[in-house]
Protein backbone atom coordinates (compact mmCIF):
# COMPACT_ATOMS: atom_id res chain seq x y z
CA UNK A 1 0.00 0.00 0.00
CA UNK A 2 1.30 3.47 -0.86
CA UNK A 3 0.03 7.04 -0.96
CA UNK A 4 0.91 10.12 -2.97
CA UNK A 5 -0.04 13.74 -2.30
CA UNK A 6 -2.87 15.14 -4.42
CA UNK A 7 -2.02 16.95 -7.68
CA UNK A 8 -0.46 20.38 -7.12
CA UNK A 9 -2.80 23.34 -7.28
CA UNK A 10 -0.26 26.14 -7.86
CA UNK A 11 2.99 26.60 -9.77
CA UNK A 12 5.62 28.54 -7.84
CA UNK A 13 9.28 29.46 -8.01
CA UNK A 14 12.00 28.42 -5.61
CA UNK A 15 11.78 31.56 -3.44
CA UNK A 16 7.99 31.23 -3.05
CA UNK A 17 8.32 27.60 -1.99
CA UNK A 18 10.99 28.49 0.55
CA UNK A 19 8.74 31.21 1.96
CA UNK A 20 5.83 28.78 2.52
CA UNK A 21 7.61 25.54 3.45
CA UNK A 22 6.07 23.85 6.51
CA UNK A 23 8.29 21.69 8.72
CA UNK A 24 6.99 19.87 11.81
CA UNK A 25 9.73 18.57 14.06
CA UNK A 26 9.83 16.20 17.04
CA UNK A 27 13.00 16.49 19.14
CA UNK A 28 13.99 13.87 21.72
CA UNK A 29 16.90 13.69 24.11
CA UNK A 30 18.23 10.49 25.64
CA UNK A 31 20.97 9.28 27.91
CA UNK A 32 23.71 8.14 25.52
CA UNK A 33 24.54 4.44 26.10
CA UNK A 34 28.23 3.58 25.88
CA UNK A 35 27.39 0.58 23.68
CA UNK A 36 25.59 2.62 20.99
CA UNK A 37 27.31 3.01 17.62
CA UNK A 38 26.68 6.67 16.72
CA UNK A 39 28.28 6.49 13.26
CA UNK A 40 26.64 7.40 9.92
CA UNK A 41 24.31 4.39 10.06
CA UNK A 42 22.50 5.47 13.25
CA UNK A 43 19.66 7.47 11.59
CA UNK A 44 18.93 4.47 9.34
CA UNK A 45 18.59 2.22 12.39
CA UNK A 46 16.29 4.79 14.00
CA UNK A 47 14.18 4.84 10.84
CA UNK A 48 14.00 1.04 10.83
CA UNK A 49 12.87 0.88 14.46
CA UNK A 50 10.26 3.58 13.80
CA UNK A 51 8.91 1.80 10.73
CA UNK A 52 8.55 -1.45 12.68
CA UNK A 53 6.75 0.39 15.50
CA UNK A 54 4.29 1.92 13.05
CA UNK A 55 3.72 -1.48 11.43
CA UNK A 56 3.04 -3.13 14.80
CA UNK A 57 0.33 -0.55 15.48
CA UNK A 58 -1.10 -1.00 12.00
CA UNK A 59 -1.14 -4.80 12.39
CA UNK A 60 -3.13 -4.35 15.61
CA UNK A 61 -5.87 -2.57 13.67
CA UNK A 62 -4.82 1.05 14.19
CA UNK A 63 -6.16 2.70 11.02
CA UNK A 64 -4.24 5.94 11.61
CA UNK A 65 -0.97 4.02 11.92
CA UNK A 66 -1.75 2.09 8.74
CA UNK A 67 -2.37 5.35 6.89
CA UNK A 68 0.84 6.91 8.25
CA UNK A 69 2.80 3.82 7.24
CA UNK A 70 1.47 4.09 3.67
CA UNK A 71 2.16 7.82 3.50
CA UNK A 72 5.62 7.88 5.05
CA UNK A 73 7.08 4.54 3.97
CA UNK A 74 5.05 3.76 0.81
CA UNK A 75 6.81 2.94 -2.43
CA UNK A 76 4.82 5.53 -4.40
CA UNK A 77 7.15 8.39 -3.46
CA UNK A 78 9.92 7.47 -5.92
CA UNK A 79 12.44 7.25 -3.10
CA UNK A 80 11.67 10.79 -1.87
CA UNK A 81 10.18 10.41 1.61
CA UNK A 82 8.46 13.44 3.22
CA UNK A 83 10.61 13.28 6.35
CA UNK A 84 14.17 13.17 7.55
CA UNK A 85 15.87 11.99 10.74
CA UNK A 86 18.82 13.53 12.59
CA UNK A 87 20.92 11.98 15.34
CA UNK A 88 23.68 13.80 17.23
CA UNK A 89 26.13 12.43 19.76
CA UNK A 90 26.44 15.20 22.37
CA UNK A 91 28.72 13.45 24.81
CA UNK A 92 26.59 12.25 27.71
CA UNK A 93 23.37 12.77 25.74
CA UNK A 94 21.93 11.71 22.40
CA UNK A 95 19.71 14.10 20.43
CA UNK A 96 17.37 12.55 17.83
CA UNK A 97 14.96 14.54 15.68
CA UNK A 98 12.22 13.60 13.23
CA UNK A 99 11.04 16.26 10.75
CA UNK A 100 7.80 15.86 8.77
CA UNK A 101 7.51 17.89 5.58
CA UNK A 102 4.41 19.68 4.34
CA UNK A 103 1.19 17.63 4.36
CA UNK A 104 2.93 14.76 6.18
CA UNK A 105 2.12 16.86 9.27
CA UNK A 106 -1.42 15.42 8.97
CA UNK A 107 -0.10 12.20 10.60
CA UNK A 108 1.97 14.01 13.23
CA UNK A 109 0.39 12.46 16.34
CA UNK A 110 0.71 8.81 15.37
CA UNK A 111 4.11 9.40 13.78
CA UNK A 112 5.57 11.03 16.89
CA UNK A 113 3.98 8.53 19.29
CA UNK A 114 5.38 5.61 17.31
CA UNK A 115 8.77 7.31 17.00
CA UNK A 116 9.08 7.67 20.79
CA UNK A 117 7.83 4.12 21.36
CA UNK A 118 10.33 2.72 18.85
CA UNK A 119 13.22 4.17 20.83
CA UNK A 120 11.96 3.83 24.41
CA UNK A 121 9.96 0.56 24.46
CA UNK A 122 11.23 -3.00 23.98
CA UNK A 123 12.82 -4.29 21.83
CA UNK A 124 14.31 -0.82 21.34
CA UNK A 125 17.04 0.38 19.02
CA UNK A 126 19.80 -1.74 17.49
CA UNK A 127 23.00 -0.55 19.14
CA UNK A 128 25.24 -1.61 16.27
CA UNK A 129 25.15 -2.08 12.51
CA UNK A 130 25.50 -5.86 12.37
CA UNK A 131 22.61 -8.27 11.85
CA UNK A 132 23.24 -9.68 15.34
CA UNK A 133 23.54 -6.32 17.10
CA UNK A 134 21.75 -6.15 20.44
CA UNK A 135 18.56 -4.10 20.66
CA UNK A 136 17.94 -2.05 23.78
CA UNK A 137 15.49 0.73 24.67
CA UNK A 138 16.89 4.22 25.24
CA UNK A 139 16.16 6.27 28.35
CA UNK A 140 14.44 9.51 27.35
CA UNK A 141 15.33 12.75 29.13
CA UNK A 142 12.88 15.02 27.34
CA UNK A 143 10.89 15.61 24.16
CA UNK A 144 9.09 18.47 22.42
CA UNK A 145 7.68 19.28 19.02
CA UNK A 146 7.50 22.49 17.03
CA UNK A 147 6.30 23.71 13.65
CA UNK A 148 7.79 26.33 11.34
CA UNK A 149 6.13 27.88 8.31
CA UNK A 150 8.43 29.47 5.79
CA UNK A 151 12.19 29.91 5.69
CA UNK A 152 14.05 33.16 6.16
CA UNK A 153 15.84 33.91 2.92
CA UNK A 154 19.45 34.73 3.66
CA UNK A 155 21.48 37.20 1.69
CA UNK A 156 24.13 35.84 -0.68
CA UNK A 157 27.59 35.73 0.84
CA UNK A 158 31.01 35.05 -0.64
CA UNK A 159 31.89 32.26 -0.34
CA UNK A 160 29.04 29.91 0.63
CA UNK A 161 30.29 27.42 3.22
CA UNK A 162 28.51 24.08 3.61
CA UNK A 163 29.34 21.71 6.46
CA UNK A 164 28.06 18.19 5.69
CA UNK A 165 27.26 16.68 9.09
CA UNK A 166 26.21 13.37 7.50
CA UNK A 167 27.51 11.88 4.26
CA UNK A 168 26.29 13.32 0.97
CA UNK A 169 25.67 10.64 -1.63
CA UNK A 170 26.26 11.60 -5.27
CA UNK A 171 25.70 8.24 -6.94
CA UNK A 172 25.25 4.49 -6.36
CA UNK A 173 25.73 3.33 -2.77
CA UNK A 174 28.90 1.36 -3.53
CA UNK A 175 30.70 3.91 -5.75
CA UNK A 176 32.26 7.31 -5.11
CA UNK A 177 31.35 9.89 -7.76
CA UNK A 178 32.90 13.34 -7.55
CA UNK A 179 30.75 15.78 -9.50
CA UNK A 180 29.84 18.74 -7.33
CA UNK A 181 27.39 20.11 -9.91
CA UNK A 182 25.14 17.24 -8.80
CA UNK A 183 24.67 19.07 -5.49
CA UNK A 184 22.41 21.66 -7.11
CA UNK A 185 20.61 19.06 -9.23
CA UNK A 186 19.96 16.95 -6.13
CA UNK A 187 18.73 20.04 -4.27
CA UNK A 188 16.31 20.80 -7.10
CA UNK A 189 15.08 17.20 -7.28
CA UNK A 190 14.43 17.08 -3.54
CA UNK A 191 12.68 20.46 -3.61
CA UNK A 192 10.48 19.49 -6.57
CA UNK A 193 9.41 16.29 -4.81
CA UNK A 194 8.73 18.00 -1.47
CA UNK A 195 6.85 20.91 -3.06
CA UNK A 196 4.16 18.39 -3.98
CA UNK A 197 3.71 17.78 -0.24
CA UNK A 198 2.78 21.46 0.02
CA UNK A 199 0.30 21.27 -2.86
CA UNK A 200 2.73 23.09 -5.15
CA UNK A 201 4.44 22.48 -8.45
CA UNK A 202 7.97 23.85 -8.33
CA UNK A 203 9.26 25.55 -11.47
CA UNK A 204 12.88 24.42 -11.69
CA UNK A 205 14.40 23.11 -14.93
CA UNK A 206 16.98 20.46 -14.07
CA UNK A 207 19.03 21.21 -17.19
CA UNK A 208 19.31 24.87 -16.22
CA UNK A 209 20.14 23.91 -12.63
CA UNK A 210 22.87 21.57 -13.85
CA UNK A 211 24.38 24.40 -15.92
CA UNK A 212 24.32 26.63 -12.84
CA UNK A 213 26.10 23.92 -10.86
CA UNK A 214 28.80 23.57 -13.49
CA UNK A 215 29.40 27.33 -13.49
CA UNK A 216 30.28 27.33 -9.78
CA UNK A 217 33.87 27.28 -8.55
CA UNK A 218 34.19 24.75 -5.71
CA UNK A 219 36.79 24.22 -3.01
CA UNK A 220 36.44 20.62 -1.79
CA UNK A 221 39.70 20.45 0.18
CA UNK A 222 37.63 20.12 3.37
CA UNK A 223 35.63 17.12 2.14
CA UNK A 224 36.58 13.58 3.11
CA UNK A 225 35.28 10.22 1.87
CA UNK A 226 33.22 8.20 4.36
CA UNK A 227 32.44 4.49 4.11
CA UNK A 228 30.12 2.42 6.29
CA UNK A 229 27.60 -0.41 6.01
CA UNK A 230 23.93 -0.76 6.80
CA UNK A 231 21.70 -3.77 7.29
CA UNK A 232 18.36 -3.84 5.51
CA UNK A 233 15.55 -6.03 6.86
CA UNK A 234 13.96 -5.87 3.40
CA UNK A 235 17.08 -7.54 2.02
CA UNK A 236 17.21 -10.29 4.61
CA UNK A 237 19.50 -8.42 6.98
CA UNK A 238 22.36 -8.40 4.48
CA UNK A 239 25.04 -5.76 4.98
CA UNK A 240 25.13 -3.14 2.23
CA UNK A 241 28.24 -1.05 1.59
CA UNK A 242 27.65 2.71 1.64
CA UNK A 243 29.86 5.59 0.55
CA UNK A 244 29.62 9.36 0.62
CA UNK A 245 31.40 12.60 1.47
CA UNK A 246 31.34 14.59 4.72
CA UNK A 247 33.02 17.78 5.86
CA UNK A 248 33.29 21.25 4.34
CA UNK A 249 32.47 22.30 0.78
CA UNK A 250 33.00 25.92 -0.27
CA UNK A 251 31.29 27.61 -3.20
CA UNK A 252 33.66 30.42 -4.14
CA UNK A 253 31.87 31.99 -7.11
CA UNK A 254 28.26 31.22 -7.94
CA UNK A 255 25.09 32.73 -9.48
CA UNK A 256 22.90 34.55 -6.95
CA UNK A 257 19.87 32.27 -7.49
CA UNK A 258 21.86 29.34 -6.08
CA UNK A 259 21.46 30.65 -2.52
CA UNK A 260 17.73 29.99 -2.09
CA UNK A 261 17.93 26.52 -3.62
CA UNK A 262 20.69 25.57 -1.19
CA UNK A 263 18.73 27.03 1.71
CA UNK A 264 15.89 24.67 0.81
CA UNK A 265 18.40 21.83 0.65
CA UNK A 266 19.60 22.69 4.15
CA UNK A 267 16.00 22.38 5.42
CA UNK A 268 15.06 19.27 3.40
CA UNK A 269 18.46 17.50 3.22
CA UNK A 270 19.93 16.63 -0.15
CA UNK A 271 21.09 13.71 -2.29
CA UNK A 272 20.30 10.02 -2.16
CA UNK A 273 18.51 8.39 0.81
CA UNK A 274 17.76 11.49 2.84
CA UNK A 275 15.28 9.43 4.90
CA UNK A 276 18.30 7.49 6.21
CA UNK A 277 19.70 10.72 7.60
CA UNK A 278 22.08 11.36 4.69
CA UNK A 279 22.77 14.70 3.02
CA UNK A 280 22.40 16.83 6.13
CA UNK A 281 24.40 20.05 6.06
CA UNK A 282 24.51 23.43 7.74
CA UNK A 283 25.83 26.76 6.48
CA UNK A 284 28.78 27.97 8.55
C-alpha cells in the first residue's frame, strides 16, 4: 500500500516555496549508552525501528498508523520520503529529531507517538550495525515538538560554506562519484518532490540547474570520503556497503539564485537516501 499527495494546485518558483515551506519537528533527548554506535548508520537504524513500531500498530488494527505507514514509507514516493531523521552524539546525551515535511504533518500524532515508542519501548534500538547487534530501549530525558512555516531567505555571501554533518551521496551506494554540480541538481530534485507535499508544483528546470552547478567554482579540500555499512531487513539483513562525502564544501563563485535553492536543501536534506539521515548540512 502506498500514498501520494494530491495533484499540485499552484505553480511557484523556488523563493515562493521556501517562503511557505512547513516543517513539523519532534526532538527527543536520551541518555547516551556507551554501547551505541553513533556512526553514519544510526539514523537508518532509528528509521528502521520507527517503521517497525508503526507497522506493529497498524497490524493491531490502528487505522491511523496504517495510513501513516502508507504515506511515510510507501513505495509511491519514488524514493523521496516526506521526512528526515537527525541523530547527534552530544557526549553524555543523544539528540534525535524527526522532521515531517508539508502535508505529512497530517499524521503528526501517530508518527511522533510511534517514534518515541520505537526508541523507548522493547525491543528498542539496534546498538550496532551488524545483523546480530543487540537491541535495547533508550532512556528519554525530554521531548518536544514544534512547527515552522516558511524559511528566512538569507542574503548571498562570498563564499558559501557548507558543512556536511552526514555523508552526501552523489551516486550508487557502492561507488564514489565526484561531481559537485550534482549538489544543485539533487537540491532541485528534492525540492520538486517535497513541493508536492505542500500542494505546489515547483518551477525548476533540471538542465538549467545543472548548468548553474557547473558554473560554480568549488573548493572541496575540506571534504573527506566516508564508508560504512547498513543492514536492511527488506534484504534479509544483508550488509550493504555505503559511501559518501562529509566535511566542508566551499562555493567560491556562484550565481545569486543558487542561494535559495541551497537554503531549501539545508532544510530538506539533499542527495540520495535522505530518509536514512544522509545529506544533512549546515551553512557555517
